Amino acid sequence: MPRPSSIAELRAIAQPREYSPSITDRLYRLGSIYVSIPLARVGATPNRITVAWIVLGLAAVALVASESWLARIGGALLLQLSYLLDYVDGEVARLTGRKSAAGEFLDLVGHGLVKTSLPLGVGWSAAVETGSGALLAAGALGAVAIAVGDTLRFYAACVSGALGAGDLGHVVPVRMAGKRWSPLGIGRAAFALSFESPGLYALTLVAALADAMALLAVWWAVAGHVWWISRAHRYARRLDTPPAVAAIVGGRE
């Protein structure tokens, strides 16, 4: 591992701007570097860190599914730790020069496991607490919605021909020129965020604290299908944008 003289220099290596496109990324990266540096120095491998956060994430889902209010809160907090380590594995890989395609694949598998199992855990918890099997079905519907919405990125990458990207944001520019944030735009962004990792985990923590797992299960079951359908529509339009026009009207997500 290189030994620059300051945290700022280490951040420049471990946290390039292209790896932190959103404000939620930057929030987690404020603290993740302080975990990444000691782990890199003691020789922790990126893949082992990835396995660790996957195991923590699945353990967190199991706690979220518990009948105990305190256990659900503990599970929601453990999800936050798991997600922080999701940033750490990549940072350690860049600090130590151990980036690999296998590691990236393992990372994506972990996201799929944790994100799609979370609505099932929430639905189970709500069903046990209320005695309503419909809430378990709601959890299953939410899991399907999140799984479909996530895979759309990779379908789009396949169609675009940029298989190495695995994410539409890297292969089809989004229209950003002249874009101004409006209340409607902020609302849409917040809606979409509620189905991405930081939003999923934040909502789980809020629902655990408020003892509102049933409400969260219903939200993901109903709104989740609105989300993936709107995402599919948006991606289809962007994929049809000619490259020359896209270069003028947009940048990268």
C-alpha atoms as a PDB file:
ATOM      1  CA  MET A   1       0.000   0.000   0.000  1.00  0.00           C
ATOM      2  CA  PRO A   2       1.318   3.511  -0.825  1.00  0.00           C
ATOM      3  CA  ARG A   3       2.078   5.734   2.159  1.00  0.00           C
ATOM      4  CA  PRO A   4       1.159   9.312   1.208  1.00  0.00           C
ATOM      5  CA  SER A   5       1.534  11.851   3.978  1.00  0.00           C
ATOM      6  CA  SER A   6      -2.103  12.872   4.354  1.00  0.00           C
ATOM      7  CA  ILE A   7      -5.655  11.554   4.420  1.00  0.00           C
ATOM      8  CA  ALA A   8      -6.406  13.793   1.437  1.00  0.00           C
ATOM      9  CA  GLU A   9      -3.785  11.990  -0.662  1.00  0.00           C
ATOM     10  CA  LEU A  10      -5.137   8.602   0.384  1.00  0.00           C
ATOM     11  CA  ARG A  11      -8.657   9.741  -0.477  1.00  0.00           C
ATOM     12  CA  ALA A  12      -7.444  10.729  -3.943  1.00  0.00           C
ATOM     13  CA  ILE A  13      -6.279   7.144  -4.495  1.00  0.00           C
ATOM     14  CA  ALA A  14      -9.128   5.298  -2.784  1.00  0.00           C
ATOM     15  CA  GLN A  15     -12.042   7.580  -3.638  1.00  0.00           C
ATOM     16  CA  PRO A  16     -11.852   8.890  -7.222  1.00  0.00           C
ATOM     17  CA  ARG A  17     -14.770  11.146  -8.091  1.00  0.00           C
ATOM     18  CA  GLU A  18     -16.210   8.654 -10.565  1.00  0.00           C
ATOM     19  CA  TYR A  19     -16.771   6.211  -7.692  1.00  0.00           C
ATOM     20  CA  SER A  20     -18.858   8.724  -5.720  1.00  0.00           C
ATOM     21  CA  PRO A  21     -21.480  10.086  -8.130  1.00  0.00           C
ATOM     22  CA  SER A  22     -24.201  10.804  -5.554  1.00  0.00           C
ATOM     23  CA  ILE A  23     -24.448  12.707  -2.297  1.00  0.00           C
ATOM     24  CA  THR A  24     -25.165   9.475  -0.402  1.00  0.00           C
ATOM     25  CA  ASP A  25     -21.889   8.021  -1.699  1.00  0.00           C
ATOM     26  CA  ARG A  26     -19.993  11.036  -0.432  1.00  0.00           C
ATOM     27  CA  LEU A  27     -21.638  10.798   2.993  1.00  0.00           C
ATOM     28  CA  TYR A  28     -20.543   7.194   3.498  1.00  0.00           C
ATOM     29  CA  ARG A  29     -17.071   7.901   2.132  1.00  0.00           C
ATOM     30  CA  LEU A  30     -16.519  10.561   4.785  1.00  0.00           C
ATOM     31  CA  GLY A  31     -16.011   7.753   7.295  1.00  0.00           C
ATOM     32  CA  SER A  32     -15.146   4.740   5.151  1.00  0.00           C
ATOM     33  CA  ILE A  33     -11.568   5.859   4.504  1.00  0.00           C
ATOM     34  CA  TYR A  34     -10.795   5.570   8.233  1.00  0.00           C
ATOM     35  CA  VAL A  35     -11.765   1.899   8.080  1.00  0.00           C
ATOM     36  CA  SER A  36     -10.076   1.233   4.735  1.00  0.00           C
ATOM     37  CA  ILE A  37      -6.627   2.538   5.687  1.00  0.00           C
ATOM     38  CA  PRO A  38      -5.985   0.249   8.700  1.00  0.00           C
ATOM     39  CA  LEU A  39      -7.484  -2.752   6.891  1.00  0.00           C
ATOM     40  CA  ALA A  40      -5.231  -2.143   3.890  1.00  0.00           C
ATOM     41  CA  ARG A  41      -2.190  -1.818   6.140  1.00  0.00           C
ATOM     42  CA  VAL A  42      -2.830  -5.112   7.953  1.00  0.00           C
ATOM     43  CA  GLY A  43      -3.224  -6.962   4.657  1.00  0.00           C
ATOM     44  CA  ALA A  44      -6.989  -7.515   4.547  1.00  0.00           C
ATOM     45  CA  THR A  45      -8.018  -8.539   1.040  1.00  0.00           C
ATOM     46  CA  PRO A  46     -10.885  -6.808  -0.788  1.00  0.00           C
ATOM     47  CA  ASN A  47     -12.691 -10.101  -1.437  1.00  0.00           C
ATOM     48  CA  ARG A  48     -12.635 -11.061   2.242  1.00  0.00           C
ATOM     49  CA  ILE A  49     -14.076  -7.673   3.118  1.00  0.00           C
ATOM     50  CA  THR A  50     -16.791  -8.224   0.511  1.00  0.00           C
ATOM     51  CA  VAL A  51     -17.653 -11.620   1.985  1.00  0.00           C
ATOM     52  CA  ALA A  52     -17.724 -10.014   5.444  1.00  0.00           C
ATOM     53  CA  TRP A  53     -20.230  -7.343   4.479  1.00  0.00           C
ATOM     54  CA  ILE A  54     -22.417  -9.876   2.663  1.00  0.00           C
ATOM     55  CA  VAL A  55     -22.518 -12.066   5.787  1.00  0.00           C
ATOM     56  CA  LEU A  56     -23.227  -9.022   7.963  1.00  0.00           C
ATOM     57  CA  GLY A  57     -25.979  -7.915   5.588  1.00  0.00           C
ATOM     58  CA  LEU A  58     -27.707 -11.295   5.648  1.00  0.00           C
ATOM     59  CA  ALA A  59     -27.371 -11.451   9.440  1.00  0.00           C
ATOM     60  CA  ALA A  60     -28.920  -7.987   9.581  1.00  0.00           C
ATOM     61  CA  VAL A  61     -31.887  -9.152   7.491  1.00  0.00           C
ATOM     62  CA  ALA A  62     -32.378 -12.078   9.886  1.00  0.00           C
ATOM     63  CA  LEU A  63     -32.492  -9.633  12.806  1.00  0.00           C
ATOM     64  CA  VAL A  64     -34.903  -7.361  10.935  1.00  0.00           C
ATOM     65  CA  ALA A  65     -37.211 -10.376  10.557  1.00  0.00           C
ATOM     66  CA  SER A  66     -37.230 -10.880  14.335  1.00  0.00           C
ATOM     67  CA  GLU A  67     -40.266 -10.364  16.560  1.00  0.00           C
ATOM     68  CA  SER A  68     -38.148  -8.252  18.919  1.00  0.00           C
ATOM     69  CA  TRP A  69     -38.279  -4.484  18.443  1.00  0.00           C
ATOM     70  CA  LEU A  70     -34.718  -4.093  19.720  1.00  0.00           C
ATOM     71  CA  ALA A  71     -33.468  -6.877  17.449  1.00  0.00           C
ATOM     72  CA  ARG A  72     -35.045  -5.148  14.442  1.00  0.00           C
ATOM     73  CA  ILE A  73     -33.319  -1.894  15.346  1.00  0.00           C
ATOM     74  CA  GLY A  74     -30.039  -3.778  15.773  1.00  0.00           C
ATOM     75  CA  GLY A  75     -30.532  -5.367  12.365  1.00  0.00           C
ATOM     76  CA  ALA A  76     -31.208  -2.000  10.750  1.00  0.00           C
ATOM     77  CA  LEU A  77     -28.021  -0.584  12.291  1.00  0.00           C
ATOM     78  CA  LEU A  78     -26.063  -3.646  11.179  1.00  0.00           C
ATOM     79  CA  LEU A  79     -27.257  -2.965   7.623  1.00  0.00           C
ATOM     80  CA  GLN A  80     -25.590   0.433   7.858  1.00  0.00           C
ATOM     81  CA  LEU A  81     -22.301  -1.188   8.902  1.00  0.00           C
ATOM     82  CA  SER A  82     -22.609  -3.709   6.085  1.00  0.00           C
ATOM     83  CA  TYR A  83     -23.150  -0.915   3.576  1.00  0.00           C
ATOM     84  CA  LEU A  84     -20.190   1.062   4.917  1.00  0.00           C
ATOM     85  CA  LEU A  85     -17.973  -1.987   4.349  1.00  0.00           C
ATOM     86  CA  ASP A  86     -19.320  -2.145   0.804  1.00  0.00           C
ATOM     87  CA  TYR A  87     -17.403   1.091   0.214  1.00  0.00           C
ATOM     88  CA  VAL A  88     -14.384  -0.186   2.096  1.00  0.00           C
ATOM     89  CA  ASP A  89     -13.746  -3.235  -0.109  1.00  0.00           C
ATOM     90  CA  GLY A  90     -13.334  -1.094  -3.222  1.00  0.00           C
ATOM     91  CA  GLU A  91     -11.195   1.447  -1.413  1.00  0.00           C
ATOM     92  CA  VAL A  92      -8.878  -1.271  -0.115  1.00  0.00           C
ATOM     93  CA  ALA A  93      -8.682  -2.699  -3.642  1.00  0.00           C
ATOM     94  CA  ARG A  94      -7.543   0.668  -5.002  1.00  0.00           C
ATOM     95  CA  LEU A  95      -5.144   1.349  -2.134  1.00  0.00           C
ATOM     96  CA  THR A  96      -3.458  -2.042  -2.517  1.00  0.00           C
ATOM     97  CA  GLY A  97      -3.740  -2.476  -6.285  1.00  0.00           C
ATOM     98  CA  ARG A  98      -5.851  -5.619  -5.887  1.00  0.00           C
ATOM     99  CA  LYS A  99      -8.783  -4.775  -8.141  1.00  0.00           C
ATOM    100  CA  SER A 100     -10.252  -7.786  -9.926  1.00  0.00           C
ATOM    101  CA  ALA A 101     -13.209  -8.732 -12.101  1.00  0.00           C
ATOM    102  CA  ALA A 102     -14.000 -11.585  -9.707  1.00  0.00           C
ATOM    103  CA  GLY A 103     -14.181  -9.107  -6.841  1.00  0.00           C
ATOM    104  CA  GLU A 104     -16.564  -6.853  -8.747  1.00  0.00           C
ATOM    105  CA  PHE A 105     -18.759  -9.854  -9.547  1.00  0.00           C
ATOM    106  CA  LEU A 106     -18.786 -10.956  -5.900  1.00  0.00           C
ATOM    107  CA  ASP A 107     -19.770  -7.429  -4.900  1.00  0.00           C
ATOM    108  CA  LEU A 108     -22.752  -7.456  -7.265  1.00  0.00           C
ATOM    109  CA  VAL A 109     -23.840 -10.885  -6.033  1.00  0.00           C
ATOM    110  CA  GLY A 110     -23.781  -9.522  -2.487  1.00  0.00           C
ATOM    111  CA  HIS A 111     -25.974  -6.586  -3.415  1.00  0.00           C
ATOM    112  CA  GLY A 112     -28.470  -8.907  -5.037  1.00  0.00           C
ATOM    113  CA  LEU A 113     -28.612 -11.184  -2.001  1.00  0.00           C
ATOM    114  CA  VAL A 114     -28.997  -8.482   0.631  1.00  0.00           C
ATOM    115  CA  LYS A 115     -31.289  -6.101  -1.238  1.00  0.00           C
ATOM    116  CA  THR A 116     -33.763  -8.735  -2.402  1.00  0.00           C
ATOM    117  CA  SER A 117     -33.850 -10.605   0.911  1.00  0.00           C
ATOM    118  CA  LEU A 118     -34.536  -7.423   2.902  1.00  0.00           C
ATOM    119  CA  PRO A 119     -38.201  -7.002   1.823  1.00  0.00           C
ATOM    120  CA  LEU A 120     -38.759 -10.667   2.654  1.00  0.00           C
ATOM    121  CA  GLY A 121     -37.397 -10.073   6.153  1.00  0.00           C
ATOM    122  CA  VAL A 122     -39.514  -6.961   6.600  1.00  0.00           C
ATOM    123  CA  GLY A 123     -42.615  -8.763   5.320  1.00  0.00           C
ATOM    124  CA  TRP A 124     -41.981 -11.714   7.621  1.00  0.00           C
ATOM    125  CA  SER A 125     -41.560  -9.436  10.631  1.00  0.00           C
ATOM    126  CA  ALA A 126     -44.768  -7.570   9.822  1.00  0.00           C
ATOM    127  CA  ALA A 127     -46.695 -10.806   9.214  1.00  0.00           C
ATOM    128  CA  VAL A 128     -45.581 -12.334  12.513  1.00  0.00           C
ATOM    129  CA  GLU A 129     -46.392  -9.155  14.426  1.00  0.00           C
ATOM    130  CA  THR A 130     -49.859  -8.694  12.913  1.00  0.00           C
ATOM    131  CA  GLY A 131     -50.806 -12.263  12.066  1.00  0.00           C
ATOM    132  CA  SER A 132     -51.493 -11.218   8.472  1.00  0.00           C
ATOM    133  CA  GLY A 133     -50.143 -13.483   5.747  1.00  0.00           C
ATOM    134  CA  ALA A 134     -50.867 -10.700   3.256  1.00  0.00           C
ATOM    135  CA  LEU A 135     -47.887  -8.779   4.629  1.00  0.00           C
ATOM    136  CA  LEU A 136     -45.579 -11.706   3.913  1.00  0.00           C
ATOM    137  CA  ALA A 137     -46.938 -11.664   0.360  1.00  0.00           C
ATOM    138  CA  ALA A 138     -46.257  -7.920   0.267  1.00  0.00           C
ATOM    139  CA  GLY A 139     -42.653  -8.595   1.251  1.00  0.00           C
ATOM    140  CA  ALA A 140     -42.343 -11.111  -1.575  1.00  0.00           C
ATOM    141  CA  LEU A 141     -43.797  -8.632  -4.070  1.00  0.00           C
ATOM    142  CA  GLY A 142     -41.330  -6.010  -2.870  1.00  0.00           C
ATOM    143  CA  ALA A 143     -38.438  -8.435  -3.309  1.00  0.00           C
ATOM    144  CA  VAL A 144     -39.548  -9.157  -6.884  1.00  0.00           C
ATOM    145  CA  ALA A 145     -39.798  -5.441  -7.676  1.00  0.00           C
ATOM    146  CA  ILE A 146     -36.317  -4.686  -6.343  1.00  0.00           C
ATOM    147  CA  ALA A 147     -34.794  -7.684  -8.122  1.00  0.00           C
ATOM    148  CA  VAL A 148     -36.358  -6.689 -11.451  1.00  0.00           C
ATOM    149  CA  GLY A 149     -35.392  -3.036 -11.056  1.00  0.00           C
ATOM    150  CA  ASP A 150     -31.789  -3.961 -10.310  1.00  0.00           C
ATOM    151  CA  THR A 151     -31.429  -6.365 -13.234  1.00  0.00           C
ATOM    152  CA  LEU A 152     -32.699  -3.730 -15.668  1.00  0.00           C
ATOM    153  CA  ARG A 153     -29.305  -2.026 -15.383  1.00  0.00           C
ATOM    154  CA  PHE A 154     -27.549  -5.119 -16.633  1.00  0.00           C
ATOM    155  CA  TYR A 155     -30.073  -5.828 -19.370  1.00  0.00           C
ATOM    156  CA  ALA A 156     -29.453  -2.286 -20.593  1.00  0.00           C
ATOM    157  CA  ALA A 157     -25.693  -2.836 -20.511  1.00  0.00           C
ATOM    158  CA  CYS A 158     -26.141  -5.997 -22.599  1.00  0.00           C
ATOM    159  CA  VAL A 159     -28.312  -4.224 -25.158  1.00  0.00           C
ATOM    160  CA  SER A 160     -25.909  -1.283 -25.398  1.00  0.00           C
ATOM    161  CA  GLY A 161     -22.990  -3.643 -25.999  1.00  0.00           C
ATOM    162  CA  ALA A 162     -20.990  -2.292 -23.039  1.00  0.00           C
ATOM    163  CA  LEU A 163     -20.952  -5.535 -21.078  1.00  0.00           C
ATOM    164  CA  GLY A 164     -17.998  -4.474 -18.960  1.00  0.00           C
ATOM    165  CA  ALA A 165     -19.955  -1.622 -17.415  1.00  0.00           C
ATOM    166  CA  GLY A 166     -22.837  -3.570 -15.932  1.00  0.00           C
ATOM    167  CA  ASP A 167     -24.657  -0.312 -15.338  1.00  0.00           C
ATOM    168  CA  LEU A 168     -26.657   1.866 -17.679  1.00  0.00           C
ATOM    169  CA  GLY A 169     -25.196   4.949 -16.033  1.00  0.00           C
ATOM    170  CA  HIS A 170     -21.818   4.075 -17.547  1.00  0.00           C
ATOM    171  CA  VAL A 171     -23.054   3.256 -21.036  1.00  0.00           C
ATOM    172  CA  VAL A 172     -25.938   5.608 -21.824  1.00  0.00           C
ATOM    173  CA  PRO A 173     -25.595   9.307 -20.980  1.00  0.00           C
ATOM    174  CA  VAL A 174     -28.388  10.965 -19.047  1.00  0.00           C
ATOM    175  CA  ARG A 175     -29.699  14.383 -20.101  1.00  0.00           C
ATOM    176  CA  MET A 176     -28.121  16.844 -17.678  1.00  0.00           C
ATOM    177  CA  ALA A 177     -27.472  20.014 -19.720  1.00  0.00           C
ATOM    178  CA  GLY A 178     -29.468  22.925 -18.316  1.00  0.00           C
ATOM    179  CA  LYS A 179     -31.058  20.706 -15.699  1.00  0.00           C
ATOM    180  CA  ARG A 180     -32.566  22.554 -12.743  1.00  0.00           C
ATOM    181  CA  TRP A 181     -33.803  20.912  -9.588  1.00  0.00           C
ATOM    182  CA  SER A 182     -37.492  21.469  -8.887  1.00  0.00           C
ATOM    183  CA  PRO A 183     -39.690  20.135  -6.078  1.00  0.00           C
ATOM    184  CA  LEU A 184     -40.994  17.527  -8.534  1.00  0.00           C
ATOM    185  CA  GLY A 185     -37.456  16.552  -9.535  1.00  0.00           C
ATOM    186  CA  ILE A 186     -36.381  16.252  -5.915  1.00  0.00           C
ATOM    187  CA  GLY A 187     -39.451  14.125  -5.189  1.00  0.00           C
ATOM    188  CA  ARG A 188     -38.656  11.813  -8.088  1.00  0.00           C
ATOM    189  CA  ALA A 189     -35.051  11.470  -6.951  1.00  0.00           C
ATOM    190  CA  ALA A 190     -36.144  10.662  -3.396  1.00  0.00           C
ATOM    191  CA  PHE A 191     -38.645   8.109  -4.727  1.00  0.00           C
ATOM    192  CA  ALA A 192     -35.955   6.369  -6.792  1.00  0.00           C
ATOM    193  CA  LEU A 193     -33.510   6.469  -3.866  1.00  0.00           C
ATOM    194  CA  SER A 194     -35.973   4.544  -1.692  1.00  0.00           C
ATOM    195  CA  PHE A 195     -35.252   1.478  -3.861  1.00  0.00           C
ATOM    196  CA  GLU A 196     -31.454   1.819  -3.927  1.00  0.00           C
ATOM    197  CA  SER A 197     -29.190   0.535  -1.150  1.00  0.00           C
ATOM    198  CA  PRO A 198     -28.889   3.743   0.934  1.00  0.00           C
ATOM    199  CA  GLY A 199     -32.619   4.400   0.721  1.00  0.00           C
ATOM    200  CA  LEU A 200     -33.601   0.795   1.422  1.00  0.00           C
ATOM    201  CA  TYR A 201     -31.421   0.686   4.519  1.00  0.00           C
ATOM    202  CA  ALA A 202     -32.422   4.147   5.767  1.00  0.00           C
ATOM    203  CA  LEU A 203     -36.122   3.327   5.430  1.00  0.00           C
ATOM    204  CA  THR A 204     -35.554   0.063   7.267  1.00  0.00           C
ATOM    205  CA  LEU A 205     -33.982   1.940  10.175  1.00  0.00           C
ATOM    206  CA  VAL A 206     -36.827   4.468  10.289  1.00  0.00           C
ATOM    207  CA  ALA A 207     -39.451   1.703  10.115  1.00  0.00           C
ATOM    208  CA  ALA A 208     -37.689  -0.290  12.835  1.00  0.00           C
ATOM    209  CA  LEU A 209     -37.541   2.716  15.155  1.00  0.00           C
ATOM    210  CA  ALA A 210     -41.183   3.600  14.462  1.00  0.00           C
ATOM    211  CA  ASP A 211     -42.316  -0.035  14.671  1.00  0.00           C
ATOM    212  CA  ALA A 212     -43.824   0.370  11.196  1.00  0.00           C
ATOM    213  CA  MET A 213     -42.616  -2.715   9.330  1.00  0.00           C
ATOM    214  CA  ALA A 214     -46.091  -3.358   7.897  1.00  0.00           C
ATOM    215  CA  LEU A 215     -46.160   0.074   6.274  1.00  0.00           C
ATOM    216  CA  LEU A 216     -42.696  -0.442   4.794  1.00  0.00           C
ATOM    217  CA  ALA A 217     -43.621  -3.858   3.378  1.00  0.00           C
ATOM    218  CA  VAL A 218     -46.684  -2.376   1.668  1.00  0.00           C
ATOM    219  CA  TRP A 219     -44.652   0.573   0.326  1.00  0.00           C
ATOM    220  CA  TRP A 220     -42.096  -1.665  -1.347  1.00  0.00           C
ATOM    221  CA  ALA A 221     -44.812  -4.004  -2.665  1.00  0.00           C
ATOM    222  CA  VAL A 222     -46.842  -1.246  -4.319  1.00  0.00           C
ATOM    223  CA  ALA A 223     -44.400   1.556  -5.111  1.00  0.00           C
ATOM    224  CA  GLY A 224     -41.647  -0.897  -6.052  1.00  0.00           C
ATOM    225  CA  HIS A 225     -43.484  -1.959  -9.178  1.00  0.00           C
ATOM    226  CA  VAL A 226     -44.117   1.666 -10.135  1.00  0.00           C
ATOM    227  CA  TRP A 227     -40.374   2.230  -9.717  1.00  0.00           C
ATOM    228  CA  TRP A 228     -39.135  -0.581 -11.943  1.00  0.00           C
ATOM    229  CA  ILE A 229     -41.688   0.151 -14.671  1.00  0.00           C
ATOM    230  CA  SER A 230     -40.695   3.832 -14.738  1.00  0.00           C
ATOM    231  CA  ARG A 231     -37.020   2.844 -14.738  1.00  0.00           C
ATOM    232  CA  ALA A 232     -37.580   0.481 -17.675  1.00  0.00           C
ATOM    233  CA  HIS A 233     -39.335   3.263 -19.595  1.00  0.00           C
ATOM    234  CA  ARG A 234     -36.553   5.756 -18.863  1.00  0.00           C
ATOM    235  CA  TYR A 235     -33.808   3.329 -19.818  1.00  0.00           C
ATOM    236  CA  ALA A 236     -35.560   2.433 -23.071  1.00  0.00           C
ATOM    237  CA  ARG A 237     -35.724   6.099 -24.055  1.00  0.00           C
ATOM    238  CA  ARG A 238     -32.073   6.675 -23.185  1.00  0.00           C
ATOM    239  CA  LEU A 239     -30.936   3.617 -25.117  1.00  0.00           C
ATOM    240  CA  ASP A 240     -32.615   5.054 -28.210  1.00  0.00           C
ATOM    241  CA  THR A 241     -30.666   8.318 -27.901  1.00  0.00           C
ATOM    242  CA  PRO A 242     -28.145   8.579 -30.787  1.00  0.00           C
ATOM    243  CA  PRO A 243     -24.558   8.743 -29.443  1.00  0.00           C
ATOM    244  CA  ALA A 244     -23.854  12.074 -31.135  1.00  0.00           C
ATOM    245  CA  VAL A 245     -26.950  13.676 -29.610  1.00  0.00           C
ATOM    246  CA  ALA A 246     -26.299  12.095 -26.223  1.00  0.00           C
ATOM    247  CA  ALA A 247     -22.789  13.544 -26.170  1.00  0.00           C
ATOM    248  CA  ILE A 248     -24.299  17.015 -26.553  1.00  0.00           C
ATOM    249  CA  VAL A 249     -27.253  16.754 -24.182  1.00  0.00           C
ATOM    250  CA  GLY A 250     -25.831  14.749 -21.322  1.00  0.00           C
ATOM    251  CA  GLY A 251     -23.083  13.533 -19.098  1.00  0.00           C
ATOM    252  CA  ARG A 252     -22.654  10.353 -17.106  1.00  0.00           C
ATOM    253  CA  GLU A 253     -24.512   9.323 -14.001  1.00  0.00           C
END
